[in-house]
Amino acid sequence: MGTFTQSVAVERDRQGAPARLHWEGREYVLAERPLRWFERRRWWAEEARAEKGRGPGLVDHEIWRLQVRLARAGNAPVRTVDLAHHLDSGRWRLVRVHAPAHERTLSRTA
C-alpha cells in the first residue's frame, strides 16, 4: 500500500460526489459516504506560470477519500482509497491505497 498515481474512472452522484469507482478492470461501490478536502499543489513545479484569474485546480487539489468494496461481492472487504480530482480536465487519479486495518495493527505490534 502507499502513495502513487494511476488514472481511474469515477461515476458521480447528482451532487457530484463519487458513487462508483472503476479500477484495474473491476467495479467498486461505496461502503460509506465519501470525505472531501483540498490540498495545496506544488503548482510552481508543474506550471510555467499562473495565469491571471485562474484559480480552481491550480493551487489546490480536490481530494476524496472513499471506502469501497467490489460491486459483485457484497461481503468483500472494504478498501480505503484517496482520489485526486483535476478540476480543469475532470480527470480522476488514484493517489493512495490505505493498508487494511488488520495490517496496520500488525505493523504496530511487530
PDB file of N, CA and C in Angstrom:
ATOM      1  N   MET A   1       0.846  -1.167   0.000  1.00  0.00           N
ATOM      2  CA  MET A   1       0.000   0.000   0.000  1.00  0.00           C
ATOM      3  C   MET A   1       0.892   1.230   0.000  1.00  0.00           C
ATOM      4  N   GLY A   2       0.335   2.352  -0.391  1.00  0.00           N
ATOM      5  CA  GLY A   2       1.134   3.565  -0.354  1.00  0.00           C
ATOM      6  C   GLY A   2       0.645   4.595  -1.331  1.00  0.00           C
ATOM      7  N   THR A   3       1.532   5.561  -1.602  1.00  0.00           N
ATOM      8  CA  THR A   3       1.198   6.689  -2.457  1.00  0.00           C
ATOM      9  C   THR A   3       1.725   6.448  -3.867  1.00  0.00           C
ATOM     10  N   PHE A   4       0.924   6.730  -4.856  1.00  0.00           N
ATOM     11  CA  PHE A   4       1.281   6.625  -6.267  1.00  0.00           C
ATOM     12  C   PHE A   4       0.259   7.424  -7.048  1.00  0.00           C
ATOM     13  N   THR A   5       0.235   7.305  -8.347  1.00  0.00           N
ATOM     14  CA  THR A   5      -0.796   7.960  -9.135  1.00  0.00           C
ATOM     15  C   THR A   5      -1.175   7.066 -10.307  1.00  0.00           C
ATOM     16  N   GLN A   6      -2.470   6.839 -10.450  1.00  0.00           N
ATOM     17  CA  GLN A   6      -2.995   5.972 -11.505  1.00  0.00           C
ATOM     18  C   GLN A   6      -4.350   6.517 -11.932  1.00  0.00           C
ATOM     19  N   SER A   7      -4.571   6.596 -13.230  1.00  0.00           N
ATOM     20  CA  SER A   7      -5.845   7.086 -13.742  1.00  0.00           C
ATOM     21  C   SER A   7      -6.948   6.067 -13.449  1.00  0.00           C
ATOM     22  N   VAL A   8      -8.109   6.571 -13.004  1.00  0.00           N
ATOM     23  CA  VAL A   8      -9.274   5.720 -12.731  1.00  0.00           C
ATOM     24  C   VAL A   8     -10.515   6.409 -13.284  1.00  0.00           C
ATOM     25  N   ALA A   9     -11.571   5.620 -13.463  1.00  0.00           N
ATOM     26  CA  ALA A   9     -12.857   6.166 -13.911  1.00  0.00           C
ATOM     27  C   ALA A   9     -13.787   6.235 -12.702  1.00  0.00           C
ATOM     28  N   VAL A  10     -14.498   7.343 -12.598  1.00  0.00           N
ATOM     29  CA  VAL A  10     -15.396   7.566 -11.466  1.00  0.00           C
ATOM     30  C   VAL A  10     -16.763   7.966 -11.991  1.00  0.00           C
ATOM     31  N   GLU A  11     -17.808   7.322 -11.461  1.00  0.00           N
ATOM     32  CA  GLU A  11     -19.183   7.749 -11.718  1.00  0.00           C
ATOM     33  C   GLU A  11     -19.599   8.589 -10.529  1.00  0.00           C
ATOM     34  N   ARG A  12     -20.259   9.720 -10.802  1.00  0.00           N
ATOM     35  CA  ARG A  12     -20.640  10.639  -9.739  1.00  0.00           C
ATOM     36  C   ARG A  12     -22.150  10.608  -9.515  1.00  0.00           C
ATOM     37  N   ASP A  13     -22.545  10.977  -8.288  1.00  0.00           N
ATOM     38  CA  ASP A  13     -23.969  11.089  -7.989  1.00  0.00           C
ATOM     39  C   ASP A  13     -24.476  12.470  -8.401  1.00  0.00           C
ATOM     40  N   ARG A  14     -25.722  12.767  -8.140  1.00  0.00           N
ATOM     41  CA  ARG A  14     -26.323  14.048  -8.558  1.00  0.00           C
ATOM     42  C   ARG A  14     -25.668  15.261  -7.909  1.00  0.00           C
ATOM     43  N   GLN A  15     -25.086  15.069  -6.727  1.00  0.00           N
ATOM     44  CA  GLN A  15     -24.415  16.176  -6.038  1.00  0.00           C
ATOM     45  C   GLN A  15     -22.954  16.311  -6.455  1.00  0.00           C
ATOM     46  N   GLY A  16     -22.466  15.423  -7.308  1.00  0.00           N
ATOM     47  CA  GLY A  16     -21.098  15.499  -7.800  1.00  0.00           C
ATOM     48  C   GLY A  16     -20.096  14.663  -7.022  1.00  0.00           C
ATOM     49  N   ALA A  17     -20.543  13.960  -5.996  1.00  0.00           N
ATOM     50  CA  ALA A  17     -19.645  13.105  -5.210  1.00  0.00           C
ATOM     51  C   ALA A  17     -19.448  11.768  -5.918  1.00  0.00           C
ATOM     52  N   PRO A  18     -18.298  11.141  -5.742  1.00  0.00           N
ATOM     53  CA  PRO A  18     -18.087   9.815  -6.327  1.00  0.00           C
ATOM     54  C   PRO A  18     -19.130   8.821  -5.830  1.00  0.00           C
ATOM     55  N   ALA A  19     -19.634   7.988  -6.746  1.00  0.00           N
ATOM     56  CA  ALA A  19     -20.616   6.961  -6.399  1.00  0.00           C
ATOM     57  C   ALA A  19     -20.104   5.557  -6.735  1.00  0.00           C
ATOM     58  N   ARG A  20     -19.292   5.450  -7.790  1.00  0.00           N
ATOM     59  CA  ARG A  20     -18.701   4.172  -8.214  1.00  0.00           C
ATOM     60  C   ARG A  20     -17.293   4.441  -8.720  1.00  0.00           C
ATOM     61  N   LEU A  21     -16.448   3.440  -8.546  1.00  0.00           N
ATOM     62  CA  LEU A  21     -15.060   3.533  -8.970  1.00  0.00           C
ATOM     63  C   LEU A  21     -14.755   2.355  -9.881  1.00  0.00           C
ATOM     64  N   HIS A  22     -14.131   2.621 -11.017  1.00  0.00           N
ATOM     65  CA  HIS A  22     -13.691   1.582 -11.939  1.00  0.00           C
ATOM     66  C   HIS A  22     -12.170   1.611 -11.937  1.00  0.00           C
ATOM     67  N   TRP A  23     -11.579   0.510 -11.434  1.00  0.00           N
ATOM     68  CA  TRP A  23     -10.130   0.469 -11.220  1.00  0.00           C
ATOM     69  C   TRP A  23      -9.624  -0.925 -11.537  1.00  0.00           C
ATOM     70  N   GLU A  24      -8.626  -0.999 -12.390  1.00  0.00           N
ATOM     71  CA  GLU A  24      -7.986  -2.249 -12.791  1.00  0.00           C
ATOM     72  C   GLU A  24      -8.995  -3.295 -13.282  1.00  0.00           C
ATOM     73  N   GLY A  25      -9.960  -2.838 -14.081  1.00  0.00           N
ATOM     74  CA  GLY A  25     -10.933  -3.736 -14.678  1.00  0.00           C
ATOM     75  C   GLY A  25     -12.043  -4.205 -13.736  1.00  0.00           C
ATOM     76  N   ARG A  26     -12.103  -3.622 -12.550  1.00  0.00           N
ATOM     77  CA  ARG A  26     -13.129  -4.011 -11.578  1.00  0.00           C
ATOM     78  C   ARG A  26     -13.970  -2.804 -11.202  1.00  0.00           C
ATOM     79  N   GLU A  27     -15.208  -3.094 -10.817  1.00  0.00           N
ATOM     80  CA  GLU A  27     -16.117  -2.035 -10.394  1.00  0.00           C
ATOM     81  C   GLU A  27     -16.288  -2.093  -8.877  1.00  0.00           C
ATOM     82  N   TYR A  28     -16.139  -0.926  -8.242  1.00  0.00           N
ATOM     83  CA  TYR A  28     -16.278  -0.812  -6.792  1.00  0.00           C
ATOM     84  C   TYR A  28     -17.435   0.130  -6.478  1.00  0.00           C
ATOM     85  N   VAL A  29     -18.155  -0.195  -5.403  1.00  0.00           N
ATOM     86  CA  VAL A  29     -19.227   0.664  -4.910  1.00  0.00           C
ATOM     87  C   VAL A  29     -18.831   1.190  -3.540  1.00  0.00           C
ATOM     88  N   LEU A  30     -19.431   2.297  -3.153  1.00  0.00           N
ATOM     89  CA  LEU A  30     -19.103   2.888  -1.869  1.00  0.00           C
ATOM     90  C   LEU A  30     -19.715   2.102  -0.717  1.00  0.00           C
ATOM     91  N   ALA A  31     -18.933   1.926   0.330  1.00  0.00           N
ATOM     92  CA  ALA A  31     -19.405   1.269   1.548  1.00  0.00           C
ATOM     93  C   ALA A  31     -19.803   2.318   2.587  1.00  0.00           C
ATOM     94  N   GLU A  32     -19.265   3.516   2.450  1.00  0.00           N
ATOM     95  CA  GLU A  32     -19.545   4.636   3.361  1.00  0.00           C
ATOM     96  C   GLU A  32     -19.618   5.914   2.539  1.00  0.00           C
ATOM     97  N   ARG A  33     -20.146   6.954   3.143  1.00  0.00           N
ATOM     98  CA  ARG A  33     -20.193   8.259   2.486  1.00  0.00           C
ATOM     99  C   ARG A  33     -18.760   8.791   2.299  1.00  0.00           C
ATOM    100  N   PRO A  34     -18.432   9.327   1.115  1.00  0.00           N
ATOM    101  CA  PRO A  34     -17.062   9.794   0.879  1.00  0.00           C
ATOM    102  C   PRO A  34     -16.758  11.101   1.630  1.00  0.00           C
ATOM    103  N   LEU A  35     -15.476  11.317   1.877  1.00  0.00           N
ATOM    104  CA  LEU A  35     -14.997  12.555   2.505  1.00  0.00           C
ATOM    105  C   LEU A  35     -14.245  13.364   1.463  1.00  0.00           C
ATOM    106  N   ARG A  36     -14.370  14.696   1.535  1.00  0.00           N
ATOM    107  CA  ARG A  36     -13.688  15.570   0.574  1.00  0.00           C
ATOM    108  C   ARG A  36     -12.926  16.655   1.311  1.00  0.00           C
ATOM    109  N   TRP A  37     -11.733  16.982   0.792  1.00  0.00           N
ATOM    110  CA  TRP A  37     -10.955  18.121   1.276  1.00  0.00           C
ATOM    111  C   TRP A  37     -10.068  18.612   0.139  1.00  0.00           C
ATOM    112  N   PHE A  38      -9.370  19.700   0.386  1.00  0.00           N
ATOM    113  CA  PHE A  38      -8.475  20.277  -0.609  1.00  0.00           C
ATOM    114  C   PHE A  38      -7.058  20.302  -0.050  1.00  0.00           C
ATOM    115  N   GLU A  39      -6.080  19.998  -0.901  1.00  0.00           N
ATOM    116  CA  GLU A  39      -4.674  20.047  -0.525  1.00  0.00           C
ATOM    117  C   GLU A  39      -3.945  20.978  -1.468  1.00  0.00           C
ATOM    118  N   ARG A  40      -2.939  21.649  -0.947  1.00  0.00           N
ATOM    119  CA  ARG A  40      -2.113  22.550  -1.768  1.00  0.00           C
ATOM    120  C   ARG A  40      -1.290  21.754  -2.769  1.00  0.00           C
ATOM    121  N   ARG A  41      -1.247  22.249  -3.979  1.00  0.00           N
ATOM    122  CA  ARG A  41      -0.400  21.688  -5.036  1.00  0.00           C
ATOM    123  C   ARG A  41       0.914  22.434  -5.066  1.00  0.00           C
ATOM    124  N   ARG A  42       1.938  21.799  -5.548  1.00  0.00           N
ATOM    125  CA  ARG A  42       3.199  22.481  -5.845  1.00  0.00           C
ATOM    126  C   ARG A  42       3.099  22.968  -7.300  1.00  0.00           C
ATOM    127  N   TRP A  43       2.158  23.876  -7.537  1.00  0.00           N
ATOM    128  CA  TRP A  43       1.850  24.296  -8.903  1.00  0.00           C
ATOM    129  C   TRP A  43       3.055  24.911  -9.604  1.00  0.00           C
ATOM    130  N   TRP A  44       3.927  25.570  -8.855  1.00  0.00           N
ATOM    131  CA  TRP A  44       5.095  26.221  -9.454  1.00  0.00           C
ATOM    132  C   TRP A  44       6.062  25.205 -10.061  1.00  0.00           C
ATOM    133  N   ALA A  45       6.007  23.944  -9.609  1.00  0.00           N
ATOM    134  CA  ALA A  45       6.862  22.891 -10.154  1.00  0.00           C
ATOM    135  C   ALA A  45       6.247  22.258 -11.399  1.00  0.00           C
ATOM    136  N   GLU A  46       4.938  22.463 -11.604  1.00  0.00           N
ATOM    137  CA  GLU A  46       4.234  21.836 -12.711  1.00  0.00           C
ATOM    138  C   GLU A  46       3.803  22.816 -13.792  1.00  0.00           C
ATOM    139  N   GLU A  47       3.707  24.085 -13.459  1.00  0.00           N
ATOM    140  CA  GLU A  47       3.223  25.100 -14.392  1.00  0.00           C
ATOM    141  C   GLU A  47       4.313  26.134 -14.645  1.00  0.00           C
ATOM    142  N   ALA A  48       4.372  26.637 -15.861  1.00  0.00           N
ATOM    143  CA  ALA A  48       5.348  27.679 -16.181  1.00  0.00           C
ATOM    144  C   ALA A  48       4.991  28.985 -15.473  1.00  0.00           C
ATOM    145  N   ARG A  49       3.712  29.276 -15.363  1.00  0.00           N
ATOM    146  CA  ARG A  49       3.246  30.481 -14.680  1.00  0.00           C
ATOM    147  C   ARG A  49       1.768  30.356 -14.352  1.00  0.00           C
ATOM    148  N   ALA A  50       1.316  31.177 -13.466  1.00  0.00           N
ATOM    149  CA  ALA A  50      -0.099  31.187 -13.086  1.00  0.00           C
ATOM    150  C   ALA A  50      -0.778  32.322 -13.826  1.00  0.00           C
ATOM    151  N   GLU A  51      -1.677  31.974 -14.712  1.00  0.00           N
ATOM    152  CA  GLU A  51      -2.385  32.995 -15.476  1.00  0.00           C
ATOM    153  C   GLU A  51      -3.334  33.766 -14.568  1.00  0.00           C
ATOM    154  N   LYS A  52      -3.476  35.034 -14.832  1.00  0.00           N
ATOM    155  CA  LYS A  52      -4.368  35.874 -14.048  1.00  0.00           C
ATOM    156  C   LYS A  52      -5.799  35.340 -14.142  1.00  0.00           C
ATOM    157  N   GLY A  53      -6.451  35.251 -12.977  1.00  0.00           N
ATOM    158  CA  GLY A  53      -7.833  34.797 -12.927  1.00  0.00           C
ATOM    159  C   GLY A  53      -8.011  33.294 -12.862  1.00  0.00           C
ATOM    160  N   ARG A  54      -6.935  32.549 -13.001  1.00  0.00           N
ATOM    161  CA  ARG A  54      -7.042  31.084 -12.941  1.00  0.00           C
ATOM    162  C   ARG A  54      -6.803  30.634 -11.508  1.00  0.00           C
ATOM    163  N   GLY A  55      -7.808  30.046 -10.895  1.00  0.00           N
ATOM    164  CA  GLY A  55      -7.681  29.632  -9.508  1.00  0.00           C
ATOM    165  C   GLY A  55      -7.991  28.170  -9.273  1.00  0.00           C
ATOM    166  N   PRO A  56      -9.267  27.744  -9.462  1.00  0.00           N
ATOM    167  CA  PRO A  56      -9.626  26.362  -9.148  1.00  0.00           C
ATOM    168  C   PRO A  56      -8.757  25.362  -9.899  1.00  0.00           C
ATOM    169  N   GLY A  57      -8.184  24.430  -9.159  1.00  0.00           N
ATOM    170  CA  GLY A  57      -7.354  23.406  -9.766  1.00  0.00           C
ATOM    171  C   GLY A  57      -5.903  23.784  -9.895  1.00  0.00           C
ATOM    172  N   LEU A  58      -5.583  25.081  -9.847  1.00  0.00           N
ATOM    173  CA  LEU A  58      -4.187  25.486  -9.974  1.00  0.00           C
ATOM    174  C   LEU A  58      -3.472  25.377  -8.634  1.00  0.00           C
ATOM    175  N   VAL A  59      -4.048  25.953  -7.606  1.00  0.00           N
ATOM    176  CA  VAL A  59      -3.397  25.999  -6.297  1.00  0.00           C
ATOM    177  C   VAL A  59      -3.752  24.782  -5.459  1.00  0.00           C
ATOM    178  N   ASP A  60      -4.981  24.313  -5.541  1.00  0.00           N
ATOM    179  CA  ASP A  60      -5.448  23.222  -4.691  1.00  0.00           C
ATOM    180  C   ASP A  60      -5.878  22.004  -5.502  1.00  0.00           C
ATOM    181  N   HIS A  61      -5.659  20.828  -4.916  1.00  0.00           N
ATOM    182  CA  HIS A  61      -6.203  19.568  -5.430  1.00  0.00           C
ATOM    183  C   HIS A  61      -7.472  19.259  -4.654  1.00  0.00           C
ATOM    184  N   GLU A  62      -8.490  18.787  -5.330  1.00  0.00           N
ATOM    185  CA  GLU A  62      -9.668  18.254  -4.659  1.00  0.00           C
ATOM    186  C   GLU A  62      -9.375  16.778  -4.392  1.00  0.00           C
ATOM    187  N   ILE A  63      -9.421  16.382  -3.123  1.00  0.00           N
ATOM    188  CA  ILE A  63      -9.127  15.011  -2.721  1.00  0.00           C
ATOM    189  C   ILE A  63     -10.385  14.384  -2.132  1.00  0.00           C
ATOM    190  N   TRP A  64     -10.636  13.148  -2.514  1.00  0.00           N
ATOM    191  CA  TRP A  64     -11.772  12.387  -1.984  1.00  0.00           C
ATOM    192  C   TRP A  64     -11.241  11.109  -1.355  1.00  0.00           C
ATOM    193  N   ARG A  65     -11.674  10.802  -0.148  1.00  0.00           N
ATOM    194  CA  ARG A  65     -11.366   9.514   0.489  1.00  0.00           C
ATOM    195  C   ARG A  65     -12.614   8.652   0.384  1.00  0.00           C
ATOM    196  N   LEU A  66     -12.422   7.476  -0.224  1.00  0.00           N
ATOM    197  CA  LEU A  66     -13.532   6.553  -0.432  1.00  0.00           C
ATOM    198  C   LEU A  66     -13.272   5.250   0.305  1.00  0.00           C
ATOM    199  N   GLN A  67     -14.324   4.695   0.855  1.00  0.00           N
ATOM    200  CA  GLN A  67     -14.299   3.333   1.367  1.00  0.00           C
ATOM    201  C   GLN A  67     -15.168   2.533   0.413  1.00  0.00           C
ATOM    202  N   VAL A  68     -14.523   1.598  -0.291  1.00  0.00           N
ATOM    203  CA  VAL A  68     -15.193   0.879  -1.368  1.00  0.00           C
ATOM    204  C   VAL A  68     -15.057  -0.630  -1.192  1.00  0.00           C
ATOM    205  N   ARG A  69     -15.965  -1.336  -1.866  1.00  0.00           N
ATOM    206  CA  ARG A  69     -15.870  -2.798  -1.934  1.00  0.00           C
ATOM    207  C   ARG A  69     -16.257  -3.207  -3.353  1.00  0.00           C
ATOM    208  N   LEU A  70     -15.838  -4.392  -3.751  1.00  0.00           N
ATOM    209  CA  LEU A  70     -16.180  -4.897  -5.079  1.00  0.00           C
ATOM    210  C   LEU A  70     -17.692  -4.935  -5.243  1.00  0.00           C
ATOM    211  N   ALA A  71     -18.174  -4.465  -6.391  1.00  0.00           N
ATOM    212  CA  ALA A  71     -19.613  -4.391  -6.632  1.00  0.00           C
ATOM    213  C   ALA A  71     -20.250  -5.763  -6.696  1.00  0.00           C
ATOM    214  N   ARG A  72     -19.550  -6.753  -7.214  1.00  0.00           N
ATOM    215  CA  ARG A  72     -20.126  -8.092  -7.404  1.00  0.00           C
ATOM    216  C   ARG A  72     -20.048  -8.966  -6.160  1.00  0.00           C
ATOM    217  N   ALA A  73     -19.391  -8.496  -5.115  1.00  0.00           N
ATOM    218  CA  ALA A  73     -19.222  -9.310  -3.904  1.00  0.00           C
ATOM    219  C   ALA A  73     -19.652  -8.484  -2.697  1.00  0.00           C
ATOM    220  N   GLY A  74     -20.899  -8.653  -2.284  1.00  0.00           N
ATOM    221  CA  GLY A  74     -21.437  -7.867  -1.183  1.00  0.00           C
ATOM    222  C   GLY A  74     -20.706  -8.048   0.133  1.00  0.00           C
ATOM    223  N   ASN A  75     -20.008  -9.174   0.306  1.00  0.00           N
ATOM    224  CA  ASN A  75     -19.272  -9.404   1.543  1.00  0.00           C
ATOM    225  C   ASN A  75     -17.766  -9.176   1.371  1.00  0.00           C
ATOM    226  N   ALA A  76     -17.365  -8.549   0.263  1.00  0.00           N
ATOM    227  CA  ALA A  76     -15.947  -8.271   0.019  1.00  0.00           C
ATOM    228  C   ALA A  76     -15.433  -7.293   1.070  1.00  0.00           C
ATOM    229  N   PRO A  77     -14.152  -7.391   1.413  1.00  0.00           N
ATOM    230  CA  PRO A  77     -13.603  -6.461   2.393  1.00  0.00           C
ATOM    231  C   PRO A  77     -13.618  -5.025   1.860  1.00  0.00           C
ATOM    232  N   VAL A  78     -13.707  -4.095   2.771  1.00  0.00           N
ATOM    233  CA  VAL A  78     -13.715  -2.675   2.417  1.00  0.00           C
ATOM    234  C   VAL A  78     -12.272  -2.201   2.252  1.00  0.00           C
ATOM    235  N   ARG A  79     -12.030  -1.434   1.192  1.00  0.00           N
ATOM    236  CA  ARG A  79     -10.718  -0.822   0.946  1.00  0.00           C
ATOM    237  C   ARG A  79     -10.875   0.683   1.035  1.00  0.00           C
ATOM    238  N   THR A  80      -9.878   1.344   1.575  1.00  0.00           N
ATOM    239  CA  THR A  80      -9.887   2.798   1.658  1.00  0.00           C
ATOM    240  C   THR A  80      -8.878   3.339   0.665  1.00  0.00           C
ATOM    241  N   VAL A  81      -9.352   4.249  -0.199  1.00  0.00           N
ATOM    242  CA  VAL A  81      -8.502   4.844  -1.236  1.00  0.00           C
ATOM    243  C   VAL A  81      -8.710   6.352  -1.256  1.00  0.00           C
ATOM    244  N   ASP A  82      -7.677   7.072  -1.696  1.00  0.00           N
ATOM    245  CA  ASP A  82      -7.773   8.510  -1.889  1.00  0.00           C
ATOM    246  C   ASP A  82      -7.664   8.809  -3.375  1.00  0.00           C
ATOM    247  N   LEU A  83      -8.571   9.661  -3.869  1.00  0.00           N
ATOM    248  CA  LEU A  83      -8.577  10.072  -5.271  1.00  0.00           C
ATOM    249  C   LEU A  83      -8.353  11.572  -5.359  1.00  0.00           C
ATOM    250  N   ALA A  84      -7.608  11.991  -6.369  1.00  0.00           N
ATOM    251  CA  ALA A  84      -7.470  13.412  -6.677  1.00  0.00           C
ATOM    252  C   ALA A  84      -8.309  13.687  -7.917  1.00  0.00           C
ATOM    253  N   HIS A  85      -9.075  14.774  -7.864  1.00  0.00           N
ATOM    254  CA  HIS A  85      -9.914  15.168  -8.994  1.00  0.00           C
ATOM    255  C   HIS A  85      -9.325  16.439  -9.590  1.00  0.00           C
ATOM    256  N   HIS A  86      -8.902  16.369 -10.850  1.00  0.00           N
ATOM    257  CA  HIS A  86      -8.340  17.532 -11.544  1.00  0.00           C
ATOM    258  C   HIS A  86      -9.505  18.351 -12.073  1.00  0.00           C
ATOM    259  N   LEU A  87      -9.715  19.518 -11.483  1.00  0.00           N
ATOM    260  CA  LEU A  87     -10.897  20.316 -11.783  1.00  0.00           C
ATOM    261  C   LEU A  87     -10.921  20.831 -13.224  1.00  0.00           C
ATOM    262  N   ASP A  88      -9.760  21.170 -13.785  1.00  0.00           N
ATOM    263  CA  ASP A  88      -9.734  21.696 -15.159  1.00  0.00           C
ATOM    264  C   ASP A  88     -10.123  20.641 -16.191  1.00  0.00           C
ATOM    265  N   SER A  89      -9.567  19.434 -16.065  1.00  0.00           N
ATOM    266  CA  SER A  89      -9.786  18.398 -17.072  1.00  0.00           C
ATOM    267  C   SER A  89     -10.906  17.434 -16.705  1.00  0.00           C
ATOM    268  N   GLY A  90     -11.272  17.375 -15.426  1.00  0.00           N
ATOM    269  CA  GLY A  90     -12.266  16.416 -14.974  1.00  0.00           C
ATOM    270  C   GLY A  90     -11.694  15.032 -14.719  1.00  0.00           C
ATOM    271  N   ARG A  91     -10.369  14.866 -14.887  1.00  0.00           N
ATOM    272  CA  ARG A  91      -9.726  13.562 -14.697  1.00  0.00           C
ATOM    273  C   ARG A  91      -9.640  13.203 -13.224  1.00  0.00           C
ATOM    274  N   TRP A  92      -9.687  11.904 -12.969  1.00  0.00           N
ATOM    275  CA  TRP A  92      -9.550  11.349 -11.621  1.00  0.00           C
ATOM    276  C   TRP A  92      -8.282  10.517 -11.561  1.00  0.00           C
ATOM    277  N   ARG A  93      -7.531  10.655 -10.466  1.00  0.00           N
ATOM    278  CA  ARG A  93      -6.311   9.892 -10.254  1.00  0.00           C
ATOM    279  C   ARG A  93      -6.369   9.218  -8.889  1.00  0.00           C
ATOM    280  N   LEU A  94      -6.052   7.946  -8.850  1.00  0.00           N
ATOM    281  CA  LEU A  94      -5.900   7.243  -7.586  1.00  0.00           C
ATOM    282  C   LEU A  94      -4.525   7.609  -7.051  1.00  0.00           C
ATOM    283  N   VAL A  95      -4.474   8.191  -5.851  1.00  0.00           N
ATOM    284  CA  VAL A  95      -3.195   8.660  -5.316  1.00  0.00           C
ATOM    285  C   VAL A  95      -2.733   7.905  -4.075  1.00  0.00           C
ATOM    286  N   ARG A  96      -3.637   7.163  -3.435  1.00  0.00           N
ATOM    287  CA  ARG A  96      -3.220   6.397  -2.256  1.00  0.00           C
ATOM    288  C   ARG A  96      -4.192   5.249  -2.007  1.00  0.00           C
ATOM    289  N   VAL A  97      -3.616   4.092  -1.682  1.00  0.00           N
ATOM    290  CA  VAL A  97      -4.382   2.934  -1.234  1.00  0.00           C
ATOM    291  C   VAL A  97      -3.921   2.674   0.193  1.00  0.00           C
ATOM    292  N   HIS A  98      -4.837   2.750   1.136  1.00  0.00           N
ATOM    293  CA  HIS A  98      -4.501   2.564   2.541  1.00  0.00           C
ATOM    294  C   HIS A  98      -4.448   1.076   2.882  1.00  0.00           C
ATOM    295  N   ALA A  99      -3.557   0.720   3.788  1.00  0.00           N
ATOM    296  CA  ALA A  99      -3.465  -0.656   4.262  1.00  0.00           C
ATOM    297  C   ALA A  99      -4.730  -1.005   5.026  1.00  0.00           C
ATOM    298  N   PRO A 100      -5.195  -2.245   4.903  1.00  0.00           N
ATOM    299  CA  PRO A 100      -6.358  -2.660   5.697  1.00  0.00           C
ATOM    300  C   PRO A 100      -6.070  -2.517   7.183  1.00  0.00           C
ATOM    301  N   ALA A 101      -7.116  -2.340   7.973  1.00  0.00           N
ATOM    302  CA  ALA A 101      -6.965  -2.101   9.415  1.00  0.00           C
ATOM    303  C   ALA A 101      -6.173  -3.211  10.095  1.00  0.00           C
ATOM    304  N   HIS A 102      -6.398  -4.468   9.726  1.00  0.00           N
ATOM    305  CA  HIS A 102      -5.675  -5.567  10.391  1.00  0.00           C
ATOM    306  C   HIS A 102      -4.185  -5.506  10.086  1.00  0.00           C
ATOM    307  N   GLU A 103      -3.775  -5.019   8.902  1.00  0.00           N
ATOM    308  CA  GLU A 103      -2.354  -4.876   8.576  1.00  0.00           C
ATOM    309  C   GLU A 103      -1.716  -3.748   9.370  1.00  0.00           C
ATOM    310  N   ARG A 104      -2.450  -2.650   9.581  1.00  0.00           N
ATOM    311  CA  ARG A 104      -1.914  -1.540  10.381  1.00  0.00           C
ATOM    312  C   ARG A 104      -1.700  -1.989  11.814  1.00  0.00           C
ATOM    313  N   THR A 105      -2.613  -2.780  12.351  1.00  0.00           N
ATOM    314  CA  THR A 105      -2.490  -3.276  13.722  1.00  0.00           C
ATOM    315  C   THR A 105      -1.280  -4.181  13.851  1.00  0.00           C
ATOM    316  N   LEU A 106      -1.074  -5.081  12.885  1.00  0.00           N
ATOM    317  CA  LEU A 106       0.069  -5.980  12.915  1.00  0.00           C
ATOM    318  C   LEU A 106       1.391  -5.238  12.841  1.00  0.00           C
ATOM    319  N   SER A 107       1.466  -4.186  12.007  1.00  0.00           N
ATOM    320  CA  SER A 107       2.726  -3.459  11.848  1.00  0.00           C
ATOM    321  C   SER A 107       3.084  -2.685  13.119  1.00  0.00           C
ATOM    322  N   ARG A 108       2.090  -2.262  13.893  1.00  0.00           N
ATOM    323  CA  ARG A 108       2.368  -1.554  15.144  1.00  0.00           C
ATOM    324  C   ARG A 108       2.859  -2.489  16.231  1.00  0.00           C
ATOM    325  N   THR A 109       2.444  -3.751  16.187  1.00  0.00           N
ATOM    326  CA  THR A 109       2.827  -4.688  17.242  1.00  0.00           C
ATOM    327  C   THR A 109       4.119  -5.424  16.896  1.00  0.00           C
ATOM    328  N   ALA A 110       4.544  -5.366  15.657  1.00  0.00           N
ATOM    329  CA  ALA A 110       5.761  -6.106  15.242  1.00  0.00           C
ATOM    330  C   ALA A 110       7.020  -5.366  15.622  1.00  0.00           C
TER     331      ALA A 110
END
